[in-house]
C-alpha cells in the first residue's frame, strides 16, 4: 500500500497523545492483545476485560473516557493519561495503535486530511 506521507515514530514522544484523543471511536483489540495488555498491567484477562473492554458487534474495543481539553469536549482512550499527555500502556499497545497512521483508509486520503489526525507526518517528496 502506498501512502503520500512519511512518519518518524520518535515524534510520538513529542505529540502529547494526539492520536489517543479526539472524536469518539474504537480501538479494536484481538484476544492476544487483550491478554498482553492484562499481563502488562499485572491483571488476569477476565478482570481486564470487565474493566477496560467493550463488545462492539463481534469484536472487542478498548473503552474510552470523556475528556475536556483546549478543543472542548472530546474522548480519549482509557489508557491515555491527560496529565502526562501520554499512553500508559505504550509498550504493550494494540496493533491498531502501533500501525497508526499507516491505516488503509489513509492510503487514499489527501495529505491535509491525514495531517489533522497526526500533525507529525511529513509529505513525501515528489521524487520519491
N, C-alpha and C. Protein backbone atom coordinates (compact mmCIF):
# COMPACT_ATOMS: atom_id res chain seq x y z
N UNK A 1 0.84 -1.17 0.00
CA UNK A 1 0.00 0.00 0.00
C UNK A 1 0.89 1.24 0.00
N UNK A 2 0.55 2.21 -0.82
CA UNK A 2 1.33 3.44 -0.92
C UNK A 2 0.66 4.56 -0.15
N UNK A 3 1.48 5.34 0.52
CA UNK A 3 0.98 6.48 1.28
C UNK A 3 1.66 7.74 0.76
N UNK A 4 0.99 8.88 0.92
CA UNK A 4 1.52 10.16 0.43
C UNK A 4 2.33 10.87 1.51
N UNK A 5 2.67 10.15 2.57
CA UNK A 5 3.37 10.78 3.69
C UNK A 5 4.38 9.83 4.30
N UNK A 6 5.25 10.42 5.10
CA UNK A 6 6.22 9.66 5.89
C UNK A 6 5.98 10.02 7.35
N UNK A 7 6.47 9.19 8.24
CA UNK A 7 6.27 9.38 9.67
C UNK A 7 7.48 8.86 10.42
N UNK A 8 7.98 9.65 11.32
CA UNK A 8 9.09 9.20 12.16
C UNK A 8 8.51 8.90 13.54
N UNK A 9 8.63 7.65 13.96
CA UNK A 9 7.97 7.21 15.19
C UNK A 9 8.45 7.95 16.44
N UNK A 10 9.65 8.50 16.44
CA UNK A 10 10.10 9.25 17.62
C UNK A 10 9.24 10.49 17.86
N UNK A 11 8.47 10.91 16.87
CA UNK A 11 7.58 12.06 17.04
C UNK A 11 6.51 11.77 18.08
N UNK A 12 6.21 10.50 18.32
CA UNK A 12 5.23 10.13 19.33
C UNK A 12 5.60 10.66 20.71
N UNK A 13 6.88 10.80 20.95
CA UNK A 13 7.34 11.30 22.24
C UNK A 13 7.03 12.78 22.42
N UNK A 14 6.73 13.48 21.34
CA UNK A 14 6.52 14.93 21.38
C UNK A 14 5.07 15.36 21.18
N UNK A 15 4.21 14.46 20.77
CA UNK A 15 2.90 14.91 20.28
C UNK A 15 1.82 15.04 21.35
N UNK A 16 2.08 14.60 22.56
CA UNK A 16 1.11 14.71 23.64
C UNK A 16 -0.16 13.89 23.42
N UNK A 17 -0.01 12.75 22.78
CA UNK A 17 -1.14 11.83 22.62
C UNK A 17 -2.21 12.28 21.66
N UNK A 18 -1.83 12.97 20.62
CA UNK A 18 -2.80 13.50 19.66
C UNK A 18 -3.70 12.40 19.09
N UNK A 19 -3.14 11.22 18.80
CA UNK A 19 -3.94 10.14 18.21
C UNK A 19 -4.74 9.36 19.25
N UNK A 20 -4.50 9.61 20.53
CA UNK A 20 -5.20 8.90 21.61
C UNK A 20 -6.48 9.61 22.03
N UNK A 21 -6.72 10.78 21.47
CA UNK A 21 -7.88 11.57 21.88
C UNK A 21 -8.49 12.26 20.68
N UNK A 22 -9.73 12.65 20.83
CA UNK A 22 -10.44 13.32 19.75
C UNK A 22 -11.89 12.89 19.74
N UNK A 23 -12.42 12.62 18.57
CA UNK A 23 -13.80 12.18 18.45
C UNK A 23 -13.94 10.77 19.02
N UNK A 24 -15.15 10.43 19.39
CA UNK A 24 -15.42 9.09 19.87
C UNK A 24 -15.10 8.07 18.78
N UNK A 25 -14.57 6.93 19.17
CA UNK A 25 -14.21 5.92 18.18
C UNK A 25 -13.88 4.60 18.85
N UNK A 26 -13.22 3.75 18.10
CA UNK A 26 -12.90 2.42 18.59
C UNK A 26 -11.41 2.14 18.47
N UNK A 27 -10.87 1.48 19.49
CA UNK A 27 -9.54 0.89 19.40
C UNK A 27 -9.80 -0.61 19.51
N UNK A 28 -9.88 -1.26 18.34
CA UNK A 28 -10.20 -2.67 18.32
C UNK A 28 -9.01 -3.50 18.77
N UNK A 29 -9.30 -4.53 19.56
CA UNK A 29 -8.26 -5.39 20.10
C UNK A 29 -8.65 -6.85 19.90
N UNK A 30 -7.66 -7.65 19.58
CA UNK A 30 -7.84 -9.10 19.49
C UNK A 30 -7.56 -9.71 20.86
N UNK A 31 -7.96 -10.95 21.03
CA UNK A 31 -7.79 -11.60 22.32
C UNK A 31 -6.32 -11.63 22.74
N UNK A 32 -5.41 -11.90 21.83
CA UNK A 32 -3.98 -11.94 22.18
C UNK A 32 -3.51 -10.57 22.68
N UNK A 33 -4.03 -9.50 22.10
CA UNK A 33 -3.66 -8.15 22.55
C UNK A 33 -4.25 -7.87 23.94
N UNK A 34 -5.47 -8.34 24.16
CA UNK A 34 -6.09 -8.19 25.48
C UNK A 34 -5.25 -8.91 26.52
N UNK A 35 -4.84 -10.14 26.20
CA UNK A 35 -4.02 -10.92 27.13
C UNK A 35 -2.69 -10.23 27.40
N UNK A 36 -2.08 -9.66 26.36
CA UNK A 36 -0.79 -8.97 26.54
C UNK A 36 -0.95 -7.71 27.39
N UNK A 37 -2.03 -6.97 27.17
CA UNK A 37 -2.28 -5.79 27.98
C UNK A 37 -2.55 -6.17 29.43
N UNK A 38 -3.34 -7.21 29.65
CA UNK A 38 -3.63 -7.68 31.01
C UNK A 38 -2.34 -8.07 31.71
N UNK A 39 -1.49 -8.81 31.01
CA UNK A 39 -0.21 -9.22 31.60
C UNK A 39 0.65 -7.99 31.92
N UNK A 40 0.69 -7.04 31.01
CA UNK A 40 1.47 -5.82 31.20
C UNK A 40 1.03 -5.09 32.48
N UNK A 41 -0.29 -5.11 32.74
CA UNK A 41 -0.83 -4.43 33.91
C UNK A 41 -0.91 -5.32 35.15
N UNK A 42 -0.48 -6.57 35.01
CA UNK A 42 -0.49 -7.48 36.14
C UNK A 42 -1.88 -7.92 36.56
N UNK A 43 -2.79 -8.06 35.56
CA UNK A 43 -4.17 -8.46 35.84
C UNK A 43 -4.48 -9.75 35.12
N UNK A 44 -5.50 -10.45 35.60
CA UNK A 44 -5.94 -11.60 34.81
C UNK A 44 -6.84 -11.08 33.69
N UNK A 45 -6.98 -11.86 32.64
CA UNK A 45 -7.68 -11.43 31.44
C UNK A 45 -9.13 -11.08 31.71
N UNK A 46 -9.82 -11.90 32.49
CA UNK A 46 -11.24 -11.62 32.77
C UNK A 46 -11.43 -10.29 33.49
N UNK A 47 -10.62 -10.02 34.49
CA UNK A 47 -10.71 -8.75 35.21
C UNK A 47 -10.39 -7.58 34.29
N UNK A 48 -9.38 -7.75 33.46
CA UNK A 48 -9.02 -6.71 32.50
C UNK A 48 -10.18 -6.41 31.56
N UNK A 49 -10.80 -7.46 31.04
CA UNK A 49 -11.91 -7.26 30.10
C UNK A 49 -13.10 -6.57 30.76
N UNK A 50 -13.41 -6.93 31.98
CA UNK A 50 -14.52 -6.27 32.68
C UNK A 50 -14.25 -4.79 32.88
N UNK A 51 -13.01 -4.46 33.11
CA UNK A 51 -12.66 -3.07 33.45
C UNK A 51 -12.39 -2.18 32.24
N UNK A 52 -11.80 -2.74 31.17
CA UNK A 52 -11.28 -1.90 30.09
C UNK A 52 -11.82 -2.18 28.68
N UNK A 53 -12.67 -3.18 28.52
CA UNK A 53 -13.05 -3.61 27.17
C UNK A 53 -14.57 -3.62 27.03
N UNK A 54 -15.03 -3.27 25.82
CA UNK A 54 -16.45 -3.38 25.49
C UNK A 54 -16.59 -4.20 24.22
N UNK A 55 -17.72 -4.83 24.09
CA UNK A 55 -18.00 -5.63 22.90
C UNK A 55 -18.70 -4.73 21.88
N UNK A 56 -18.22 -4.78 20.65
CA UNK A 56 -18.80 -4.00 19.56
C UNK A 56 -19.10 -4.99 18.44
N UNK A 57 -20.35 -5.41 18.32
CA UNK A 57 -20.68 -6.46 17.37
C UNK A 57 -19.96 -7.74 17.76
N UNK A 58 -19.16 -8.27 16.85
CA UNK A 58 -18.39 -9.48 17.11
C UNK A 58 -16.95 -9.17 17.52
N UNK A 59 -16.67 -7.91 17.79
CA UNK A 59 -15.30 -7.50 18.09
C UNK A 59 -15.22 -6.91 19.49
N UNK A 60 -14.00 -6.65 19.93
CA UNK A 60 -13.76 -6.01 21.21
C UNK A 60 -13.03 -4.69 20.97
N UNK A 61 -13.36 -3.70 21.78
CA UNK A 61 -12.72 -2.39 21.70
C UNK A 61 -12.36 -1.93 23.10
N UNK A 62 -11.26 -1.21 23.21
CA UNK A 62 -10.93 -0.60 24.49
C UNK A 62 -11.95 0.48 24.79
N UNK A 63 -12.23 0.69 26.05
CA UNK A 63 -13.14 1.75 26.46
C UNK A 63 -12.51 3.10 26.18
N UNK A 64 -13.34 4.12 26.20
CA UNK A 64 -12.86 5.49 26.11
C UNK A 64 -13.44 6.27 27.27
N UNK A 65 -12.86 7.43 27.51
CA UNK A 65 -13.34 8.27 28.60
C UNK A 65 -13.51 9.69 28.09
N UNK A 66 -14.50 10.42 28.63
CA UNK A 66 -14.67 11.82 28.23
C UNK A 66 -13.49 12.64 28.74
N UNK A 67 -13.17 13.66 28.00
CA UNK A 67 -12.02 14.49 28.31
C UNK A 67 -12.38 15.93 27.96
N UNK A 68 -11.99 16.85 28.78
CA UNK A 68 -12.14 18.27 28.46
C UNK A 68 -10.75 18.78 28.15
N UNK A 69 -10.62 19.39 26.98
CA UNK A 69 -9.31 19.87 26.55
C UNK A 69 -9.44 21.27 25.95
N UNK A 70 -8.34 21.74 25.38
CA UNK A 70 -8.37 23.04 24.72
C UNK A 70 -9.34 23.06 23.54
N UNK A 71 -9.67 21.89 23.01
CA UNK A 71 -10.62 21.78 21.90
C UNK A 71 -12.06 21.72 22.41
N UNK A 72 -12.23 21.62 23.72
CA UNK A 72 -13.57 21.45 24.29
C UNK A 72 -13.73 20.00 24.72
N UNK A 73 -14.91 19.47 24.56
CA UNK A 73 -15.17 18.09 24.97
C UNK A 73 -14.72 17.14 23.86
N UNK A 74 -13.95 16.15 24.25
CA UNK A 74 -13.52 15.11 23.34
C UNK A 74 -13.43 13.80 24.12
N UNK A 75 -12.95 12.77 23.49
CA UNK A 75 -12.81 11.47 24.13
C UNK A 75 -11.37 11.03 24.03
N UNK A 76 -10.99 10.16 24.97
CA UNK A 76 -9.63 9.63 24.97
C UNK A 76 -9.69 8.14 25.24
N UNK A 77 -8.70 7.44 24.76
CA UNK A 77 -8.55 6.03 25.09
C UNK A 77 -8.46 5.90 26.61
N UNK A 78 -8.99 4.83 27.13
CA UNK A 78 -8.98 4.59 28.58
C UNK A 78 -7.56 4.60 29.14
N UNK A 79 -6.57 4.32 28.31
CA UNK A 79 -5.18 4.28 28.77
C UNK A 79 -4.40 5.57 28.51
N UNK A 80 -5.08 6.60 28.08
CA UNK A 80 -4.43 7.89 27.89
C UNK A 80 -4.43 8.64 29.22
N UNK A 81 -3.27 9.10 29.64
CA UNK A 81 -3.14 9.88 30.87
C UNK A 81 -3.09 11.35 30.49
N UNK A 82 -4.18 12.10 30.71
CA UNK A 82 -4.20 13.51 30.29
C UNK A 82 -3.20 14.39 31.03
N UNK A 83 -2.86 14.06 32.26
CA UNK A 83 -1.90 14.91 32.97
C UNK A 83 -0.49 14.72 32.43
N UNK A 84 -0.14 13.50 32.04
CA UNK A 84 1.19 13.23 31.47
C UNK A 84 1.17 13.39 29.94
N UNK A 85 -0.04 13.46 29.36
CA UNK A 85 -0.20 13.58 27.90
C UNK A 85 0.46 12.43 27.17
N UNK A 86 0.21 11.20 27.67
CA UNK A 86 0.83 10.04 27.02
C UNK A 86 0.02 8.78 27.30
N UNK A 87 0.33 7.75 26.55
CA UNK A 87 -0.27 6.43 26.70
C UNK A 87 0.40 5.71 27.88
N UNK A 88 -0.40 5.16 28.76
CA UNK A 88 0.16 4.47 29.92
C UNK A 88 0.52 3.02 29.63
N UNK A 89 0.12 2.51 28.47
CA UNK A 89 0.45 1.12 28.09
C UNK A 89 1.20 1.09 26.76
N UNK A 90 1.93 2.16 26.47
CA UNK A 90 2.59 2.31 25.16
C UNK A 90 3.39 1.07 24.76
N UNK A 91 4.12 0.49 25.68
CA UNK A 91 4.96 -0.66 25.37
C UNK A 91 4.14 -1.89 24.96
N UNK A 92 2.91 -1.97 25.42
CA UNK A 92 2.04 -3.12 25.12
C UNK A 92 0.83 -2.71 24.29
N UNK A 93 0.87 -1.55 23.67
CA UNK A 93 -0.30 -1.03 22.94
C UNK A 93 -0.73 -1.98 21.82
N UNK A 94 -2.02 -1.95 21.47
CA UNK A 94 -2.54 -2.83 20.42
C UNK A 94 -1.97 -2.50 19.03
N UNK A 95 -2.11 -3.44 18.13
CA UNK A 95 -1.62 -3.26 16.76
C UNK A 95 -2.25 -2.05 16.08
N UNK A 96 -3.51 -1.79 16.33
CA UNK A 96 -4.17 -0.63 15.72
C UNK A 96 -3.41 0.65 16.08
N UNK A 97 -2.92 0.73 17.29
CA UNK A 97 -2.14 1.89 17.72
C UNK A 97 -0.73 1.88 17.13
N UNK A 98 -0.14 0.70 17.08
CA UNK A 98 1.23 0.58 16.54
C UNK A 98 1.30 0.97 15.07
N UNK A 99 0.27 0.68 14.31
CA UNK A 99 0.30 0.92 12.87
C UNK A 99 -0.17 2.32 12.49
N UNK A 100 -0.71 3.07 13.43
CA UNK A 100 -1.14 4.43 13.12
C UNK A 100 0.07 5.29 12.76
N UNK A 101 0.04 6.10 11.75
CA UNK A 101 -1.07 6.49 10.88
C UNK A 101 -1.15 5.70 9.56
N UNK A 102 -0.48 4.57 9.49
CA UNK A 102 -0.47 3.80 8.25
C UNK A 102 -1.65 2.84 8.16
N UNK A 103 -2.83 3.42 8.16
CA UNK A 103 -4.07 2.66 8.04
C UNK A 103 -4.55 2.72 6.60
N UNK A 104 -5.21 1.68 6.18
CA UNK A 104 -5.71 1.58 4.81
C UNK A 104 -6.54 2.80 4.41
N UNK A 105 -7.37 3.28 5.31
CA UNK A 105 -8.23 4.42 4.97
C UNK A 105 -7.42 5.68 4.63
N UNK A 106 -6.19 5.79 5.13
CA UNK A 106 -5.37 6.96 4.85
C UNK A 106 -4.59 6.83 3.54
N UNK A 107 -4.57 5.65 2.93
CA UNK A 107 -3.83 5.46 1.68
C UNK A 107 -4.44 6.27 0.54
N UNK A 108 -5.72 6.54 0.64
CA UNK A 108 -6.40 7.28 -0.44
C UNK A 108 -6.84 8.66 0.01
N UNK A 109 -6.38 9.10 1.16
CA UNK A 109 -6.78 10.41 1.69
C UNK A 109 -5.82 11.50 1.24
N UNK A 110 -6.30 12.72 1.26
CA UNK A 110 -5.45 13.86 0.99
C UNK A 110 -4.53 14.12 2.18
N UNK A 111 -3.34 14.58 1.90
CA UNK A 111 -2.35 14.83 2.96
C UNK A 111 -2.92 15.72 4.06
N UNK A 112 -3.61 16.79 3.68
CA UNK A 112 -4.14 17.74 4.65
C UNK A 112 -5.14 17.07 5.59
N UNK A 113 -5.92 16.12 5.08
CA UNK A 113 -6.88 15.41 5.92
C UNK A 113 -6.17 14.50 6.92
N UNK A 114 -5.13 13.82 6.47
CA UNK A 114 -4.38 12.92 7.35
C UNK A 114 -3.65 13.72 8.42
N UNK A 115 -3.14 14.89 8.04
CA UNK A 115 -2.38 15.71 8.99
C UNK A 115 -3.27 16.19 10.13
N UNK A 116 -4.57 16.27 9.93
CA UNK A 116 -5.48 16.61 11.02
C UNK A 116 -5.48 15.51 12.07
N UNK A 117 -5.24 14.28 11.65
CA UNK A 117 -5.20 13.13 12.56
C UNK A 117 -3.83 12.98 13.21
N UNK A 118 -2.78 13.32 12.48
CA UNK A 118 -1.41 13.17 13.00
C UNK A 118 -0.57 14.34 12.51
N UNK A 119 -0.33 15.34 13.34
CA UNK A 119 0.39 16.53 12.90
C UNK A 119 1.88 16.29 12.62
N UNK A 120 2.39 15.10 12.92
CA UNK A 120 3.81 14.85 12.74
C UNK A 120 4.15 14.08 11.47
N UNK A 121 3.17 13.88 10.59
CA UNK A 121 3.50 13.27 9.31
C UNK A 121 4.10 14.34 8.41
N UNK A 122 4.88 13.88 7.45
CA UNK A 122 5.51 14.80 6.50
C UNK A 122 5.19 14.32 5.09
N UNK A 123 4.95 15.24 4.15
CA UNK A 123 4.66 14.80 2.79
C UNK A 123 5.88 14.15 2.16
N UNK A 124 5.63 13.14 1.33
CA UNK A 124 6.72 12.55 0.58
C UNK A 124 7.13 13.51 -0.50
N UNK A 125 8.41 13.56 -0.81
CA UNK A 125 8.85 14.43 -1.90
C UNK A 125 8.36 13.84 -3.21
N UNK A 126 8.17 14.69 -4.19
CA UNK A 126 7.67 14.22 -5.48
C UNK A 126 8.66 13.33 -6.22
N UNK A 127 9.91 13.33 -5.80
CA UNK A 127 10.92 12.48 -6.44
C UNK A 127 10.96 11.08 -5.84
N UNK A 128 10.19 10.83 -4.79
CA UNK A 128 10.22 9.52 -4.13
C UNK A 128 9.46 8.48 -4.89
